[in-house]
């Protein structure tokens, strides 16, 4: 009897410790996420840095991004093995250290090979971050029907704050770039150091099973097979590949478009700051978007994105004054950023539905492998197009291709996605 009481007290004490750890992670997550979700001070100037400071062509700048995505695909399984071996918290800490080193290599690079080394490190780090960061929050939330909604609210709010910070950093980056092209990257490195500090505050809240590498590889193989056998997940993975390819392509070509119409470099940051604020507002409204459009949410996000690329190509064909063309181009950029803002939060919610921690790692691994491999192929194809035609025709060609793919995948998803849990087969829920 006494032993039972002691066991009960010990269990209650252990449960209290785990709950305290989880609550700490929930509080820590939004603070960490607004510094660590992506690279602040980076994206508004990296195209200019690569083309002006490092002498890359627009097609090579797109290849720089394509190699990053390819490396993510190649390194996904090694990253997953590392996470399974050392846990999510330690993996996040290591990833933030690697990102700091990657920025140093970009600044010190002397040729394209050096830049590729930086992208290998960046790919390794973001593979880990993609698997671990949101899952760290999900693991810390109480199980229940509203778990996904609570996750989306917290993650959406954190991402929204990040977009506002990104807007401010974009303005600072553009004006400091004119003074010295290395200043924005130094500021980016400082933010990564801050993110590293906050990553140390997380607590591990999952007990790891100690398996051999052979057992882990076997588990990954079976996990991938099960994920791709699910019609629901297969549909979401296909959609995600197409949408991410559009985001990657537009992210690089926006700078080319602005350079083509003759916008001075120092104003890039102001423009991207406005767009970043729009993304932040849109990310915060993801819950309302999902509630309003339900099964049509992904169509609502993808079709305007693809159409905007086509019309951006048409607009840049016009040889008219910058004061007339800039507002027109800005409208299409606004559409793209408005769709980007809520997308990442919503797609994570849809992929995480009906899952536990173990399933989420399997799904994220499968998604990253498939996404990065296919997106890399598409980006290399887009860079080949960009090498042979000017930016206007490249936008037209790619936009039409993506519009056709979006239409096809949305039709494929019909009757495969958007059901209640009891309406899916056991295979669909893996």
Protein backbone atom coordinates (compact mmCIF):
# COMPACT_ATOMS: atom_id res chain seq x y z
CA UNK A 1 0.00 0.00 0.00
CA UNK A 2 2.81 2.38 0.95
CA UNK A 3 4.71 1.44 -2.21
CA UNK A 4 1.63 2.21 -4.33
CA UNK A 5 1.31 5.61 -2.67
CA UNK A 6 4.98 6.34 -3.29
CA UNK A 7 4.64 5.29 -6.93
CA UNK A 8 1.61 7.54 -7.32
CA UNK A 9 3.48 10.50 -5.80
CA UNK A 10 6.48 9.89 -8.09
CA UNK A 11 4.22 9.65 -11.15
CA UNK A 12 2.45 12.88 -10.21
CA UNK A 13 5.80 14.59 -9.67
CA UNK A 14 7.11 13.35 -13.04
CA UNK A 15 3.90 14.45 -14.78
CA UNK A 16 4.19 17.89 -13.16
CA UNK A 17 7.78 18.25 -14.45
CA UNK A 18 6.71 17.26 -17.97
CA UNK A 19 3.81 19.73 -17.87
CA UNK A 20 6.12 22.52 -16.69
CA UNK A 21 8.49 21.74 -19.56
CA UNK A 22 5.63 21.81 -22.04
CA UNK A 23 4.32 25.13 -20.73
CA UNK A 24 7.82 26.59 -20.95
CA UNK A 25 8.07 25.51 -24.61
CA UNK A 26 4.65 27.00 -25.41
CA UNK A 27 5.71 30.36 -23.93
CA UNK A 28 9.16 30.19 -25.51
CA UNK A 29 8.01 29.21 -29.00
CA UNK A 30 6.58 32.57 -30.27
CA UNK A 31 9.66 34.47 -29.03
CA UNK A 32 12.04 31.99 -30.65
CA UNK A 33 10.00 31.69 -33.85
CA UNK A 34 9.96 35.41 -34.65
CA UNK A 35 13.78 35.39 -34.79
CA UNK A 36 14.29 31.90 -36.20
CA UNK A 37 11.50 31.14 -38.71
CA UNK A 38 13.68 32.31 -41.59
CA UNK A 39 16.64 34.58 -42.35
CA UNK A 40 16.01 38.21 -41.43
CA UNK A 41 17.93 40.93 -43.37
CA UNK A 42 18.67 38.29 -46.02
CA UNK A 43 16.07 37.85 -48.75
CA UNK A 44 15.63 41.49 -49.76
CA UNK A 45 19.34 41.80 -50.66
CA UNK A 46 20.70 38.31 -51.36
CA UNK A 47 19.91 38.53 -55.10
CA UNK A 48 21.72 41.89 -55.29
CA UNK A 49 24.60 40.55 -53.20
CA UNK A 50 25.03 37.52 -55.46
CA UNK A 51 24.73 39.41 -58.75
CA UNK A 52 26.60 42.62 -57.82
CA UNK A 53 29.10 41.55 -55.15
CA UNK A 54 29.71 37.94 -56.29
CA UNK A 55 29.09 38.42 -60.04
CA UNK A 56 26.37 35.78 -60.61
CA UNK A 57 23.90 35.99 -63.51
CA UNK A 58 20.09 35.91 -62.82
CA UNK A 59 20.00 32.28 -64.02
CA UNK A 60 22.91 31.38 -61.67
CA UNK A 61 21.10 33.09 -58.79
CA UNK A 62 18.11 30.83 -59.46
CA UNK A 63 20.48 27.82 -59.65
CA UNK A 64 21.90 28.90 -56.27
CA UNK A 65 18.39 28.47 -54.88
CA UNK A 66 17.80 25.25 -56.85
CA UNK A 67 20.96 23.64 -55.42
CA UNK A 68 19.81 24.58 -51.92
CA UNK A 69 16.52 22.74 -52.48
CA UNK A 70 18.34 19.76 -54.03
CA UNK A 71 20.70 19.54 -51.05
CA UNK A 72 17.68 19.58 -48.73
CA UNK A 73 16.36 16.50 -50.50
CA UNK A 74 19.70 14.66 -50.36
CA UNK A 75 20.27 15.49 -46.68
CA UNK A 76 16.74 14.81 -45.43
CA UNK A 77 17.32 11.22 -44.27
CA UNK A 78 20.68 11.97 -42.54
CA UNK A 79 18.95 14.87 -40.76
CA UNK A 80 16.05 12.63 -39.70
CA UNK A 81 18.52 10.04 -38.36
CA UNK A 82 20.30 12.75 -36.37
CA UNK A 83 17.01 14.00 -34.90
CA UNK A 84 16.00 10.47 -33.89
CA UNK A 85 19.45 9.96 -32.32
CA UNK A 86 19.89 13.14 -30.28
CA UNK A 87 16.36 14.55 -29.95
CA UNK A 88 14.60 17.66 -31.21
CA UNK A 89 16.00 20.22 -28.77
CA UNK A 90 19.67 19.43 -29.39
CA UNK A 91 18.99 19.23 -33.13
CA UNK A 92 17.48 22.74 -33.15
CA UNK A 93 20.49 24.12 -31.25
CA UNK A 94 22.92 22.51 -33.74
CA UNK A 95 20.89 23.80 -36.70
CA UNK A 96 21.15 27.40 -35.47
CA UNK A 97 24.92 27.10 -35.04
CA UNK A 98 25.25 25.73 -38.60
CA UNK A 99 23.20 28.65 -39.99
CA UNK A 100 25.62 31.13 -38.40
CA UNK A 101 28.56 29.34 -40.09
CA UNK A 102 26.68 29.33 -43.42
CA UNK A 103 26.32 33.13 -43.38
CA UNK A 104 30.05 33.52 -42.67
CA UNK A 105 30.88 31.31 -45.69
CA UNK A 106 28.61 33.37 -47.99
CA UNK A 107 30.39 36.55 -46.95
CA UNK A 108 33.84 34.96 -47.38
CA UNK A 109 33.02 33.09 -50.62
CA UNK A 110 35.37 33.50 -53.60
CA UNK A 111 33.53 31.42 -56.18
CA UNK A 112 30.32 29.47 -56.90
CA UNK A 113 31.71 26.33 -55.19
CA UNK A 114 32.08 28.23 -51.91
CA UNK A 115 28.49 29.41 -52.27
CA UNK A 116 27.34 25.83 -52.83
CA UNK A 117 29.09 24.76 -49.60
CA UNK A 118 27.12 27.45 -47.77
CA UNK A 119 23.92 26.04 -49.28
CA UNK A 120 24.76 22.51 -48.13
CA UNK A 121 25.01 23.82 -44.57
CA UNK A 122 21.86 25.91 -44.96
CA UNK A 123 19.94 22.91 -46.32
CA UNK A 124 21.11 20.71 -43.43
CA UNK A 125 20.06 23.32 -40.88
CA UNK A 126 16.63 24.06 -42.34
CA UNK A 127 15.86 20.36 -42.76
CA UNK A 128 16.28 20.01 -39.02
CA UNK A 129 14.35 23.19 -38.27
CA UNK A 130 11.45 22.17 -40.52
CA UNK A 131 11.05 18.83 -38.75
CA UNK A 132 11.70 19.97 -35.18
CA UNK A 133 10.51 23.52 -34.56
CA UNK A 134 6.76 23.28 -35.15
CA UNK A 135 6.77 19.74 -33.78
CA UNK A 136 8.32 21.07 -30.57
CA UNK A 137 5.20 23.20 -30.14
CA UNK A 138 2.82 20.43 -31.21
CA UNK A 139 4.37 17.98 -28.73
CA UNK A 140 3.88 20.53 -25.94
CA UNK A 141 0.15 21.06 -26.55
CA UNK A 142 -2.53 19.03 -24.80
CA UNK A 143 -4.14 16.28 -26.87
CA UNK A 144 -7.68 17.01 -27.97
CA UNK A 145 -9.93 18.04 -30.84
CA UNK A 146 -8.79 21.67 -30.65
CA UNK A 147 -5.08 20.84 -30.65
CA UNK A 148 -4.65 21.69 -34.35
CA UNK A 149 -6.58 24.96 -34.00
CA UNK A 150 -4.53 26.01 -30.94
CA UNK A 151 -1.33 25.12 -32.80
CA UNK A 152 -2.38 27.22 -35.81
CA UNK A 153 -3.23 30.21 -33.61
CA UNK A 154 0.13 30.18 -31.81
CA UNK A 155 2.16 29.43 -34.93
CA UNK A 156 0.18 31.93 -37.02
CA UNK A 157 0.71 34.67 -34.44
CA UNK A 158 4.45 33.93 -34.26
CA UNK A 159 4.78 33.90 -38.06
CA UNK A 160 2.82 37.13 -38.28
CA UNK A 161 5.26 38.86 -35.90
CA UNK A 162 8.14 37.46 -37.98
CA UNK A 163 6.71 39.02 -41.14
CA UNK A 164 6.51 42.43 -39.43
CA UNK A 165 10.11 42.08 -38.27
CA UNK A 166 11.06 40.97 -41.77
CA UNK A 167 9.46 44.13 -43.15
CA UNK A 168 11.54 46.35 -40.86
CA UNK A 169 14.70 44.35 -41.57
CA UNK A 170 14.10 44.62 -45.34
CA UNK A 171 14.16 48.44 -45.17
CA UNK A 172 17.30 48.45 -43.03
CA UNK A 173 18.97 45.85 -45.26
CA UNK A 174 18.35 47.78 -48.48
CA UNK A 175 19.67 51.11 -47.22
CA UNK A 176 22.68 49.56 -45.46
CA UNK A 177 23.41 47.51 -48.60
CA UNK A 178 24.01 50.77 -50.49
CA UNK A 179 26.51 51.81 -47.79
CA UNK A 180 28.23 48.41 -47.66
CA UNK A 181 26.88 45.20 -49.19
CA UNK A 182 28.13 43.09 -46.25
CA UNK A 183 26.26 44.96 -43.49
CA UNK A 184 22.87 43.19 -44.03
CA UNK A 185 24.54 39.77 -43.82
CA UNK A 186 26.32 40.77 -40.61
CA UNK A 187 22.94 41.84 -39.17
CA UNK A 188 21.48 38.51 -40.31
CA UNK A 189 24.25 36.69 -38.45
CA UNK A 190 23.53 38.69 -35.27
CA UNK A 191 19.85 37.65 -35.43
CA UNK A 192 20.90 34.02 -35.88
CA UNK A 193 23.02 34.29 -32.74
CA UNK A 194 19.94 35.58 -30.89
CA UNK A 195 17.91 32.64 -32.27
CA UNK A 196 20.65 30.27 -31.07
CA UNK A 197 20.39 31.73 -27.56
CA UNK A 198 16.61 31.25 -27.45
CA UNK A 199 16.90 27.71 -28.83
CA UNK A 200 18.88 26.81 -25.69
CA UNK A 201 15.78 27.59 -23.60
CA UNK A 202 13.66 24.78 -25.08
CA UNK A 203 13.03 21.58 -23.12
CA UNK A 204 12.85 18.05 -24.56
CA UNK A 205 9.32 16.72 -24.01
CA UNK A 206 9.43 13.41 -25.87
CA UNK A 207 11.12 10.20 -24.69
CA UNK A 208 13.26 8.84 -27.53
CA UNK A 209 13.46 5.19 -28.47
CA UNK A 210 17.09 4.15 -28.87
CA UNK A 211 17.27 2.26 -32.17
CA UNK A 212 20.24 1.34 -34.33
CA UNK A 213 20.86 3.20 -37.59
CA UNK A 214 19.74 0.11 -39.52
CA UNK A 215 16.46 0.04 -37.56
CA UNK A 216 15.94 3.76 -38.11
CA UNK A 217 16.52 3.41 -41.88
CA UNK A 218 14.06 0.53 -41.94
CA UNK A 219 11.51 2.63 -40.06
CA UNK A 220 12.01 5.54 -42.47
CA UNK A 221 11.56 3.25 -45.48
CA UNK A 222 8.29 1.85 -44.14
CA UNK A 223 7.16 5.31 -43.09
CA UNK A 224 7.70 6.74 -46.57
CA UNK A 225 5.83 3.82 -48.12
CA UNK A 226 2.88 4.32 -45.78
CA UNK A 227 2.75 8.08 -46.32
CA UNK A 228 2.72 7.80 -50.12
CA UNK A 229 0.07 5.04 -49.98
CA UNK A 230 -2.31 7.49 -48.29
CA UNK A 231 -4.45 9.23 -50.93
CA UNK A 232 -5.03 12.16 -48.58
CA UNK A 233 -1.34 12.74 -47.86
CA UNK A 234 -0.28 12.06 -51.44
CA UNK A 235 -2.67 14.79 -52.61
CA UNK A 236 -1.37 17.29 -50.05
CA UNK A 237 2.27 16.49 -50.92
CA UNK A 238 1.59 17.03 -54.64
CA UNK A 239 -0.11 20.34 -53.98
CA UNK A 240 2.68 21.48 -51.68
CA UNK A 241 5.35 20.76 -54.32
CA UNK A 242 3.60 22.95 -56.88
CA UNK A 243 2.90 25.79 -54.46
CA UNK A 244 6.44 25.84 -53.04
CA UNK A 245 7.89 25.81 -56.57
CA UNK A 246 5.84 28.93 -57.33
CA UNK A 247 7.01 30.60 -54.12
CA UNK A 248 10.66 29.82 -54.85
CA UNK A 249 10.45 31.02 -58.43
CA UNK A 250 8.69 34.28 -57.56
CA UNK A 251 11.06 34.91 -54.63
CA UNK A 252 14.08 35.02 -56.96
CA UNK A 253 12.48 36.66 -60.01
CA UNK A 254 10.93 39.57 -58.09
CA UNK A 255 14.38 41.13 -57.79
CA UNK A 256 15.03 40.60 -61.50
CA UNK A 257 11.70 42.26 -62.34
CA UNK A 258 12.49 45.30 -60.19
CA UNK A 259 15.99 45.58 -61.67
CA UNK A 260 14.55 45.30 -65.21
CA UNK A 261 12.11 48.19 -64.72
CA UNK A 262 14.92 50.32 -63.24
CA UNK A 263 13.93 50.63 -59.57
CA UNK A 264 16.92 51.90 -57.51
CA UNK A 265 18.37 49.29 -55.15
CA UNK A 266 17.76 51.25 -51.96
CA UNK A 267 14.00 51.16 -52.57
CA UNK A 268 13.85 47.37 -52.78
CA UNK A 269 13.69 47.16 -49.00
CA UNK A 270 10.80 49.62 -48.69
CA UNK A 271 8.82 47.65 -51.27
CA UNK A 272 9.56 44.30 -49.61
CA UNK A 273 8.74 45.81 -46.20
CA UNK A 274 5.25 46.76 -47.39
CA UNK A 275 4.81 43.29 -48.85
CA UNK A 276 6.11 41.69 -45.65
CA UNK A 277 3.51 43.56 -43.58
CA UNK A 278 0.82 42.29 -45.96
CA UNK A 279 2.12 38.73 -45.48
CA UNK A 280 2.03 39.23 -41.72
CA UNK A 281 -1.58 40.39 -41.77
CA UNK A 282 -2.53 37.50 -44.07
CA UNK A 283 -0.73 34.96 -41.84
CA UNK A 284 -2.65 36.23 -38.82
CA UNK A 285 -5.93 35.78 -40.69
CA UNK A 286 -5.26 32.15 -41.69
CA UNK A 287 -7.93 30.90 -39.30
CA UNK A 288 -10.60 33.07 -40.89
CA UNK A 289 -9.46 32.05 -44.38
CA UNK A 290 -9.77 28.36 -43.47
CA UNK A 291 -13.14 28.90 -41.80
CA UNK A 292 -14.53 30.73 -44.82
CA UNK A 293 -13.20 28.58 -47.66
CA UNK A 294 -12.88 25.16 -45.96
CA UNK A 295 -12.25 22.61 -48.73
CA UNK A 296 -11.60 25.40 -51.22
CA UNK A 297 -8.84 27.04 -49.13
CA UNK A 298 -5.91 25.62 -51.11
CA UNK A 299 -7.58 26.57 -54.42
CA UNK A 300 -8.14 30.08 -53.02
CA UNK A 301 -4.39 30.36 -52.35
CA UNK A 302 -2.95 28.63 -55.44
CA UNK A 303 -4.97 29.93 -58.38
CA UNK A 304 -4.34 33.66 -57.73
CA UNK A 305 -0.64 32.87 -57.18
CA UNK A 306 -0.31 31.15 -60.57
CA UNK A 307 -2.39 33.78 -62.39
CA UNK A 308 -0.29 36.59 -60.86
CA UNK A 309 2.87 35.09 -62.39
CA UNK A 310 1.26 35.06 -65.85
CA UNK A 311 0.03 38.66 -65.60
CA UNK A 312 3.38 39.78 -64.17
CA UNK A 313 4.99 38.46 -67.36
CA UNK A 314 2.46 40.35 -69.48
CA UNK A 315 2.96 43.56 -67.49
CA UNK A 316 6.76 43.50 -67.82
CA UNK A 317 6.44 43.17 -71.61
CA UNK A 318 5.11 46.71 -71.71
CA UNK A 319 7.87 49.28 -72.27
CA UNK A 320 6.30 52.08 -70.26
CA UNK A 321 7.39 54.58 -67.60
CA UNK A 322 8.40 53.14 -64.23
CA UNK A 323 5.83 55.33 -62.45
CA UNK A 324 3.05 53.59 -64.37
CA UNK A 325 4.38 50.03 -64.41
CA UNK A 326 5.50 49.91 -60.74
CA UNK A 327 1.96 50.15 -59.21
CA UNK A 328 0.74 47.45 -61.63
CA UNK A 329 3.62 45.14 -60.67
CA UNK A 330 3.04 45.93 -57.00
CA UNK A 331 -0.55 44.62 -57.27
CA UNK A 332 0.71 41.22 -58.47
CA UNK A 333 3.38 41.15 -55.75
CA UNK A 334 0.67 41.89 -53.15
CA UNK A 335 -1.34 38.91 -54.42
CA UNK A 336 1.72 36.66 -54.11
CA UNK A 337 2.60 37.79 -50.58
CA UNK A 338 -1.04 37.58 -49.47
CA UNK A 339 -1.17 33.94 -50.57
CA UNK A 340 2.25 33.14 -49.06
CA UNK A 341 1.40 34.51 -45.60
CA UNK A 342 -1.21 31.96 -44.48
CA UNK A 343 -0.01 29.07 -46.64
CA UNK A 344 2.74 27.59 -44.47
CA UNK A 345 0.59 27.63 -41.34
CA UNK A 346 -2.39 26.04 -43.10
CA UNK A 347 -0.45 23.32 -44.93
CA UNK A 348 1.20 22.28 -41.64
CA UNK A 349 -2.23 22.12 -40.03
CA UNK A 350 -3.61 19.94 -42.84
CA UNK A 351 -0.60 17.61 -42.83
CA UNK A 352 -0.65 17.33 -39.02
CA UNK A 353 -4.37 16.51 -38.78
CA UNK A 354 -5.12 13.05 -37.32
CA UNK A 355 -1.49 12.53 -36.21
CA UNK A 356 0.71 11.98 -33.17
CA UNK A 357 4.37 12.94 -32.69
CA UNK A 358 5.71 9.79 -34.38
CA UNK A 359 3.44 10.18 -37.40
CA UNK A 360 4.29 13.87 -37.79
CA UNK A 361 8.01 13.11 -38.12
CA UNK A 362 7.22 10.47 -40.78
CA UNK A 363 4.97 12.86 -42.71
CA UNK A 364 7.40 15.79 -42.45
CA UNK A 365 10.28 13.60 -43.63
CA UNK A 366 8.28 12.32 -46.60
CA UNK A 367 7.08 15.83 -47.43
CA UNK A 368 10.57 17.32 -47.28
CA UNK A 369 12.08 14.56 -49.42
CA UNK A 370 9.39 14.81 -52.08
CA UNK A 371 9.11 18.60 -51.98
CA UNK A 372 12.81 19.33 -52.20
CA UNK A 373 13.60 16.78 -54.91
CA UNK A 374 10.76 17.83 -57.23
CA UNK A 375 11.07 21.57 -56.53
CA UNK A 376 14.82 21.38 -57.27
CA UNK A 377 14.11 19.78 -60.66
CA UNK A 378 11.50 22.46 -61.44
CA UNK A 379 13.85 25.29 -60.41
CA UNK A 380 16.68 23.95 -62.60
CA UNK A 381 14.18 23.80 -65.47
CA UNK A 382 13.06 27.36 -64.74
CA UNK A 383 16.70 28.55 -64.66
CA UNK A 384 17.22 26.97 -68.10
CA UNK A 385 14.21 28.93 -69.36
CA UNK A 386 15.60 32.12 -67.81
CA UNK A 387 18.98 31.55 -69.51
CA UNK A 388 17.35 31.41 -72.96
CA UNK A 389 14.60 34.06 -72.76
CA UNK A 390 14.19 37.37 -70.98
CA UNK A 391 12.40 37.71 -67.64
CA UNK A 392 9.03 38.64 -69.19
CA UNK A 393 8.79 35.51 -71.35
CA UNK A 394 10.18 33.37 -68.53
CA UNK A 395 7.36 34.59 -66.25
CA UNK A 396 4.77 33.91 -68.95
CA UNK A 397 6.04 30.40 -69.68
CA UNK A 398 6.46 29.38 -66.04
CA UNK A 399 3.16 31.00 -65.03
CA UNK A 400 1.22 29.05 -67.68
CA UNK A 401 2.94 25.79 -66.68
CA UNK A 402 2.14 26.34 -63.00
CA UNK A 403 -1.48 27.29 -63.74
CA UNK A 404 -1.95 24.01 -65.62
CA UNK A 405 -0.31 22.04 -62.79
CA UNK A 406 -2.43 23.79 -60.14
CA UNK A 407 -5.63 23.03 -62.09
CA UNK A 408 -4.61 19.38 -62.44
CA UNK A 409 -3.67 18.84 -58.80
CA UNK A 410 -6.84 20.52 -57.49
CA UNK A 411 -8.89 18.16 -59.65
CA UNK A 412 -6.80 15.23 -58.38
CA UNK A 413 -7.46 16.27 -54.78
CA UNK A 414 -11.22 16.25 -55.24
CA UNK A 415 -12.78 13.57 -52.98
CA UNK A 416 -9.36 12.77 -51.48
CA UNK A 417 -8.89 15.71 -49.07
CA UNK A 418 -11.16 17.61 -46.70
CA UNK A 419 -13.11 14.74 -45.12
CA UNK A 420 -13.80 14.01 -41.46
CA UNK A 421 -11.57 11.44 -39.75
CA UNK A 422 -14.23 8.72 -39.81
CA UNK A 423 -14.65 9.14 -43.58
CA UNK A 424 -11.03 8.17 -44.31
CA UNK A 425 -9.75 4.62 -44.59
CA UNK A 426 -7.12 3.34 -42.16
CA UNK A 427 -4.50 3.55 -44.93
CA UNK A 428 -5.30 7.24 -45.54
CA UNK A 429 -4.63 8.04 -41.88
CA UNK A 430 -1.44 5.86 -41.83
